Amino acid sequence: MEAREVIIRPLVTEKSHRLTGMDKPQYTFEVHPEADKIQIRKAVEELFKVHVLAVNTVRVRGKLRRVGRFQGRLPDRKKAIVTLAKGERIQVFEGA
């Protein structure tokens, strides 16, 4: 898998924004469901030119949604929380 296939999109939420302001910043991405931690680490280092210290992954089950009398389910997804080396930043999250 190529780096752009592994990282689907950055997740910007209140919690993920709070994690970026720490001593060792953490960034959250939605990733391909079959990507492992090593592929995620290599993809982030290649795309953003940073040094990754750790990768934590979480599988998120899709929620049930209703529209009128019809019920459906959002797709399952996988997200990764990536910890960077001290002093490094990813400009996508910083607004630059």
Protein backbone atom coordinates (compact mmCIF):
# COMPACT_ATOMS: atom_id res chain seq x y z
CA MET A 1 0.00 0.00 0.00
CA GLU A 2 1.23 3.50 -0.80
CA ALA A 3 1.39 6.25 1.82
CA ARG A 4 -1.60 8.13 0.38
CA GLU A 5 -3.70 4.94 0.53
CA VAL A 6 -2.81 4.31 4.19
CA ILE A 7 -3.68 7.82 5.49
CA ILE A 8 -7.26 8.64 4.47
CA ARG A 9 -7.70 11.98 6.25
CA PRO A 10 -6.76 13.85 9.42
CA LEU A 11 -9.37 13.86 12.18
CA VAL A 12 -9.82 17.28 13.76
CA THR A 13 -11.94 17.13 16.91
CA GLU A 14 -11.77 18.88 20.27
CA LYS A 15 -9.89 15.97 21.81
CA SER A 16 -7.43 15.63 18.92
CA HIS A 17 -6.79 19.39 19.00
CA ARG A 18 -6.04 19.19 22.73
CA LEU A 19 -3.52 16.36 22.10
CA THR A 20 -1.50 18.51 19.66
CA GLY A 21 -0.59 21.03 22.36
CA MET A 22 1.30 18.55 24.55
CA ASP A 23 5.06 18.23 25.10
CA LYS A 24 5.14 15.28 22.69
CA PRO A 25 2.35 16.18 20.25
CA GLN A 26 -0.14 13.53 19.10
CA TYR A 27 -2.09 13.70 15.84
CA THR A 28 -5.14 11.67 14.85
CA PHE A 29 -5.77 10.24 11.38
CA GLU A 30 -8.39 8.04 9.79
CA VAL A 31 -6.45 5.17 8.20
CA HIS A 32 -7.11 2.22 5.89
CA PRO A 33 -8.79 -0.59 7.89
CA GLU A 34 -6.14 -3.13 6.87
CA ALA A 35 -3.12 -0.89 7.58
CA ASP A 36 -0.88 -1.96 10.44
CA LYS A 37 1.17 0.24 12.79
CA ILE A 38 4.38 -0.11 10.77
CA GLN A 39 2.66 0.99 7.54
CA ILE A 40 1.03 3.93 9.35
CA ARG A 41 4.40 5.00 10.84
CA LYS A 42 6.13 4.89 7.44
CA ALA A 43 3.27 6.75 5.73
CA VAL A 44 3.25 9.61 8.26
CA GLU A 45 7.04 9.94 8.15
CA GLU A 46 7.02 9.96 4.33
CA LEU A 47 4.11 12.38 3.87
CA PHE A 48 4.90 14.91 6.61
CA LYS A 49 8.72 14.53 7.02
CA VAL A 50 8.58 14.00 10.80
CA HIS A 51 9.89 11.37 13.26
CA VAL A 52 7.21 9.13 14.78
CA LEU A 53 7.73 7.78 18.30
CA ALA A 54 4.56 5.67 18.67
CA VAL A 55 1.38 4.66 16.85
CA ASN A 56 -1.81 3.64 18.65
CA THR A 57 -4.76 2.31 16.64
CA VAL A 58 -8.49 2.11 17.41
CA ARG A 59 -11.24 0.33 15.48
CA VAL A 60 -14.46 2.36 15.55
CA ARG A 61 -17.75 0.58 14.84
CA GLY A 62 -20.19 2.38 12.56
CA LYS A 63 -23.19 4.00 14.22
CA LEU A 64 -26.83 3.26 13.43
CA ARG A 65 -28.55 6.13 11.62
CA ARG A 66 -32.20 6.73 10.75
CA VAL A 67 -33.76 8.83 8.04
CA GLY A 68 -37.51 8.71 8.51
CA ARG A 69 -38.52 5.06 8.64
CA PHE A 70 -35.33 3.81 7.01
CA GLN A 71 -32.47 2.63 9.13
CA GLY A 72 -28.87 2.19 8.07
CA ARG A 73 -25.39 1.92 9.46
CA LEU A 74 -22.32 4.09 8.91
CA PRO A 75 -19.26 2.11 7.84
CA ASP A 76 -16.71 0.86 10.37
CA ARG A 77 -13.43 2.76 10.36
CA LYS A 78 -9.98 2.69 11.87
CA LYS A 79 -8.15 5.62 13.37
CA ALA A 80 -4.55 6.07 14.43
CA ILE A 81 -3.12 8.34 17.11
CA VAL A 82 0.47 9.17 16.15
CA THR A 83 2.97 10.51 18.71
CA LEU A 84 5.78 12.64 17.28
CA ALA A 85 9.22 13.45 18.65
CA LYS A 86 9.51 16.43 20.98
CA GLY A 87 9.40 19.77 19.18
CA GLU A 88 8.04 18.45 15.85
CA ARG A 89 4.75 19.59 14.34
CA ILE A 90 2.57 18.78 11.34
CA GLN A 91 1.59 21.98 9.53
CA VAL A 92 -1.77 20.62 8.29
CA PHE A 93 -3.11 20.72 11.85
CA GLU A 94 -1.50 24.05 12.70
CA GLY A 95 -3.52 25.95 10.09
CA ALA A 96 -0.56 26.87 7.86
